N, C-alpha and C. Protein backbone atom coordinates (compact mmCIF):
# COMPACT_ATOMS: atom_id res chain seq x y z
N MET A 1 -6.90 -30.20 9.10
CA MET A 1 -8.50 -30.00 9.66
C MET A 1 -8.36 -29.70 8.24
N ALA A 2 -8.19 -28.74 7.89
CA ALA A 2 -8.72 -27.70 6.66
C ALA A 2 -8.93 -28.08 5.45
N TRP A 3 -7.47 -29.04 5.54
CA TRP A 3 -7.97 -30.15 4.55
C TRP A 3 -9.30 -30.95 4.56
N ALA A 4 -9.67 -31.49 5.35
CA ALA A 4 -10.27 -32.69 5.56
C ALA A 4 -11.36 -31.98 5.57
N ALA A 5 -12.11 -30.53 6.50
CA ALA A 5 -13.08 -29.79 6.22
C ALA A 5 -13.59 -29.57 4.72
N GLN A 6 -12.62 -29.01 3.64
CA GLN A 6 -12.96 -29.00 2.70
C GLN A 6 -13.34 -30.17 1.68
N SER A 7 -12.62 -31.50 2.65
CA SER A 7 -13.19 -32.69 1.74
C SER A 7 -14.29 -32.83 1.88
N GLU A 8 -14.96 -32.97 3.40
CA GLU A 8 -16.33 -32.90 2.69
C GLU A 8 -17.35 -32.21 2.76
N ALA A 9 -16.93 -30.39 2.43
CA ALA A 9 -17.47 -29.79 1.72
C ALA A 9 -17.93 -29.69 0.18
N ASN A 10 -16.53 -30.51 -0.44
CA ASN A 10 -16.82 -30.95 -1.87
C ASN A 10 -17.74 -32.20 -1.97
N LEU A 11 -17.64 -33.54 -1.13
CA LEU A 11 -18.78 -34.26 -0.97
C LEU A 11 -20.14 -34.52 -0.69
N ARG A 12 -20.31 -32.78 0.24
CA ARG A 12 -22.21 -32.61 0.24
C ARG A 12 -21.94 -32.34 -0.43
N ARG A 13 -21.66 -31.20 -1.47
CA ARG A 13 -21.57 -30.42 -2.79
C ARG A 13 -22.23 -30.87 -3.58
N ALA A 14 -21.39 -32.47 -3.52
CA ALA A 14 -21.66 -33.62 -4.62
C ALA A 14 -22.97 -33.92 -5.11
N ALA A 15 -23.06 -34.42 -3.66
CA ALA A 15 -24.27 -35.61 -2.63
C ALA A 15 -25.72 -34.12 -2.66
N ALA A 16 -25.27 -32.31 -3.11
CA ALA A 16 -26.66 -32.21 -2.98
C ALA A 16 -26.59 -31.98 -4.14
N ASP A 17 -25.70 -32.01 -5.13
CA ASP A 17 -26.05 -32.28 -7.07
C ASP A 17 -26.91 -33.37 -7.38
N GLU A 18 -26.23 -34.38 -6.57
CA GLU A 18 -27.17 -35.79 -6.76
C GLU A 18 -28.56 -35.57 -6.54
N GLU A 19 -28.96 -35.72 -5.06
CA GLU A 19 -29.96 -35.36 -4.80
C GLU A 19 -30.95 -34.05 -5.47
N ASP A 20 -30.89 -33.39 -5.69
CA ASP A 20 -31.76 -32.51 -6.96
C ASP A 20 -31.11 -33.05 -8.60
N ALA A 21 -30.79 -33.18 -8.12
CA ALA A 21 -30.71 -34.37 -9.92
C ALA A 21 -32.20 -35.17 -9.61
N ILE A 22 -32.47 -35.59 -8.87
CA ILE A 22 -33.38 -37.23 -8.77
C ILE A 22 -35.49 -36.69 -8.44
N GLU A 23 -35.98 -36.78 -9.65
CA GLU A 23 -37.05 -36.21 -9.08
C GLU A 23 -37.79 -37.48 -8.26
N LYS A 24 -39.01 -36.71 -7.75
CA LYS A 24 -39.49 -37.40 -6.43
C LYS A 24 -40.94 -36.53 -7.10
N LEU A 25 -41.60 -38.06 -6.68
CA LEU A 25 -43.22 -38.23 -6.86
C LEU A 25 -43.20 -38.18 -6.25
N PRO A 26 -44.66 -37.16 -6.33
CA PRO A 26 -45.32 -35.98 -4.51
C PRO A 26 -46.00 -37.23 -3.17
N VAL A 27 -46.06 -38.50 -4.11
CA VAL A 27 -46.65 -38.85 -3.03
C VAL A 27 -45.21 -39.96 -1.76
N THR A 28 -43.74 -39.26 -2.25
CA THR A 28 -42.68 -40.30 -1.67
C THR A 28 -42.22 -38.78 -1.52
N PRO A 29 -41.60 -39.52 0.53
CA PRO A 29 -41.56 -38.25 1.26
C PRO A 29 -40.11 -37.91 1.05
N GLY A 30 -39.32 -36.58 1.00
CA GLY A 30 -38.56 -36.35 0.53
C GLY A 30 -37.41 -36.43 1.95
N PRO A 31 -36.70 -36.61 1.67
CA PRO A 31 -35.04 -36.52 2.85
C PRO A 31 -35.09 -35.59 4.52
N ILE A 32 -35.28 -35.75 5.04
CA ILE A 32 -35.08 -35.33 6.41
C ILE A 32 -34.81 -34.28 6.40
N VAL A 33 -33.63 -33.95 6.59
CA VAL A 33 -32.73 -32.92 5.58
C VAL A 33 -31.79 -32.69 4.10
N PRO A 34 -32.69 -32.54 3.67
CA PRO A 34 -31.97 -32.03 2.35
C PRO A 34 -30.10 -31.82 2.54
N ALA A 35 -29.74 -32.48 1.30
CA ALA A 35 -28.28 -32.62 1.60
C ALA A 35 -27.92 -31.26 0.71
N ARG A 36 -28.92 -30.37 0.19
CA ARG A 36 -28.48 -29.07 -0.25
C ARG A 36 -28.07 -28.20 1.52
N GLU A 37 -29.71 -28.88 2.35
CA GLU A 37 -29.69 -27.82 2.95
C GLU A 37 -28.61 -27.90 4.28
N GLN A 38 -27.99 -29.94 4.06
CA GLN A 38 -26.89 -29.71 5.15
C GLN A 38 -24.93 -29.01 4.52
N LEU A 39 -25.37 -29.18 3.24
CA LEU A 39 -23.99 -28.78 2.87
C LEU A 39 -23.83 -27.15 2.94
N GLY A 40 -25.39 -25.80 3.17
CA GLY A 40 -25.07 -24.13 3.19
C GLY A 40 -24.93 -24.92 5.44
N TYR A 41 -25.38 -25.39 5.82
CA TYR A 41 -25.34 -25.41 7.02
C TYR A 41 -23.44 -25.50 7.49
N LEU A 42 -23.33 -26.29 6.57
CA LEU A 42 -21.69 -26.81 6.58
C LEU A 42 -21.13 -25.56 5.81
N LEU A 43 -21.24 -24.91 4.85
CA LEU A 43 -20.15 -23.69 5.10
C LEU A 43 -20.47 -22.61 5.43
N LEU A 44 -21.88 -22.58 6.18
CA LEU A 44 -21.64 -21.54 7.71
C LEU A 44 -20.80 -22.06 8.35
N GLU A 45 -20.66 -23.09 9.62
CA GLU A 45 -19.56 -23.52 10.57
C GLU A 45 -17.97 -22.99 9.19
N GLN A 46 -18.09 -23.80 8.27
CA GLN A 46 -16.73 -22.93 7.72
C GLN A 46 -16.38 -21.60 6.99
N ASN A 47 -17.49 -19.91 8.20
CA ASN A 47 -17.69 -19.08 7.83
C ASN A 47 -17.60 -18.68 6.11
N HIS A 48 -18.34 -19.45 5.95
CA HIS A 48 -18.07 -18.46 4.02
C HIS A 48 -20.22 -18.38 4.14
N PRO A 49 -20.29 -17.39 5.25
CA PRO A 49 -21.66 -17.66 5.11
C PRO A 49 -22.69 -16.73 3.11
N ASP A 50 -21.56 -16.06 2.72
CA ASP A 50 -21.90 -15.72 0.86
C ASP A 50 -22.68 -16.82 0.80
N ILE A 51 -21.60 -17.82 -0.08
CA ILE A 51 -21.99 -19.07 -0.65
C ILE A 51 -23.20 -19.75 0.24
N ALA A 52 -23.03 -19.87 1.40
CA ALA A 52 -23.88 -20.87 2.33
C ALA A 52 -26.07 -20.04 1.62
N VAL A 53 -25.90 -18.35 2.26
CA VAL A 53 -26.61 -18.66 1.36
C VAL A 53 -27.24 -18.92 0.53
N GLU A 54 -26.28 -19.18 -0.86
CA GLU A 54 -26.34 -19.77 -2.47
C GLU A 54 -27.35 -20.91 -2.09
N GLU A 55 -26.38 -21.36 -0.78
CA GLU A 55 -27.33 -23.27 -0.81
C GLU A 55 -28.64 -22.72 -0.53
N PHE A 56 -28.62 -22.13 0.51
CA PHE A 56 -29.98 -22.58 1.32
C PHE A 56 -31.40 -22.02 0.40
N LYS A 57 -30.75 -20.13 -0.44
CA LYS A 57 -31.51 -20.71 -1.55
C LYS A 57 -32.01 -21.66 -2.73
N THR A 58 -30.86 -22.42 -3.37
CA THR A 58 -31.47 -23.38 -3.86
C THR A 58 -32.20 -24.47 -3.34
N ALA A 59 -31.77 -24.42 -1.92
CA ALA A 59 -33.02 -25.79 -0.89
C ALA A 59 -34.09 -25.27 -0.86
N LEU A 60 -34.27 -23.65 -0.83
CA LEU A 60 -35.55 -23.93 -0.48
C LEU A 60 -36.50 -23.26 -2.17
N VAL A 61 -35.51 -23.62 -3.27
CA VAL A 61 -37.05 -23.76 -4.14
C VAL A 61 -37.19 -24.61 -4.77
N ASN A 62 -35.97 -26.02 -4.44
CA ASN A 62 -35.78 -27.76 -4.36
C ASN A 62 -37.13 -27.56 -2.78
N ALA A 63 -37.52 -27.36 -1.71
CA ALA A 63 -38.24 -27.59 -0.90
C ALA A 63 -38.95 -26.13 0.27
N PRO A 64 -39.46 -25.89 -1.00
CA PRO A 64 -40.40 -24.13 -0.83
C PRO A 64 -40.94 -23.87 1.44
N GLY A 65 -40.45 -22.80 1.64
CA GLY A 65 -40.88 -22.63 3.14
C GLY A 65 -40.31 -23.92 4.05
N ARG A 66 -39.13 -25.09 4.06
CA ARG A 66 -38.63 -25.51 4.62
C ARG A 66 -38.05 -25.24 6.36
N ARG A 67 -38.27 -25.34 7.53
CA ARG A 67 -38.01 -24.43 8.33
C ARG A 67 -36.02 -24.02 8.57
N GLY A 68 -35.76 -25.11 8.16
CA GLY A 68 -34.05 -25.42 8.42
C GLY A 68 -33.57 -24.37 7.37
N ALA A 69 -34.15 -23.89 6.02
CA ALA A 69 -33.09 -24.04 5.39
C ALA A 69 -34.30 -22.18 5.17
N LEU A 70 -34.43 -21.65 5.77
CA LEU A 70 -34.92 -20.27 6.25
C LEU A 70 -34.01 -19.97 7.29
N ARG A 71 -33.79 -20.73 8.66
CA ARG A 71 -33.75 -20.28 9.12
C ARG A 71 -31.86 -19.95 9.08
N GLY A 72 -31.47 -21.04 8.33
CA GLY A 72 -29.72 -20.93 7.56
C GLY A 72 -29.91 -19.82 7.08
N ALA A 73 -31.02 -19.57 6.05
CA ALA A 73 -30.71 -19.11 4.94
C ALA A 73 -30.37 -17.16 5.82
N ALA A 74 -31.62 -16.58 6.90
CA ALA A 74 -32.24 -16.05 7.46
C ALA A 74 -30.23 -15.56 8.24
N GLN A 75 -29.41 -16.50 8.73
CA GLN A 75 -28.50 -16.54 9.74
C GLN A 75 -27.69 -16.50 8.93
N ALA A 76 -27.07 -16.85 7.70
CA ALA A 76 -25.98 -16.25 6.66
C ALA A 76 -26.09 -15.14 6.33
N ALA A 77 -27.08 -14.49 6.12
CA ALA A 77 -27.51 -13.61 5.12
C ALA A 77 -27.35 -12.33 6.15
N GLU A 78 -27.66 -12.10 7.67
CA GLU A 78 -27.16 -11.59 8.72
C GLU A 78 -25.62 -11.89 8.80
N ILE A 79 -24.75 -12.97 8.79
CA ILE A 79 -23.29 -13.12 9.33
C ILE A 79 -22.76 -11.96 7.99
N SER A 80 -23.16 -11.99 6.77
CA SER A 80 -22.57 -11.76 5.49
C SER A 80 -23.26 -10.61 4.97
N GLY A 81 -24.27 -9.92 6.05
CA GLY A 81 -24.49 -8.53 5.76
C GLY A 81 -25.46 -8.10 4.63
N GLN A 82 -26.29 -9.21 4.14
CA GLN A 82 -27.09 -8.65 3.02
C GLN A 82 -28.33 -8.87 3.54
N LYS A 83 -29.78 -8.84 2.79
CA LYS A 83 -30.96 -8.63 3.63
C LYS A 83 -31.59 -9.79 3.15
């Protein structure tokens, strides 16, 4: 199960990197749940809140004010003892 979870994290990271590299036009909608945000939640589930915080921060740079990313970042920060 651990190997499968790690593999899934690596695939999600690759998907997030790929998604970040695609320029989005202002008239086209973005992803429903950005891959970077999904990666943050996956890392939280795998008990890696320090890494998850960084992924949520990146998600918020790409999509400022997203409620899911803000909530995930707050949760990860609380678990890891960050402010």
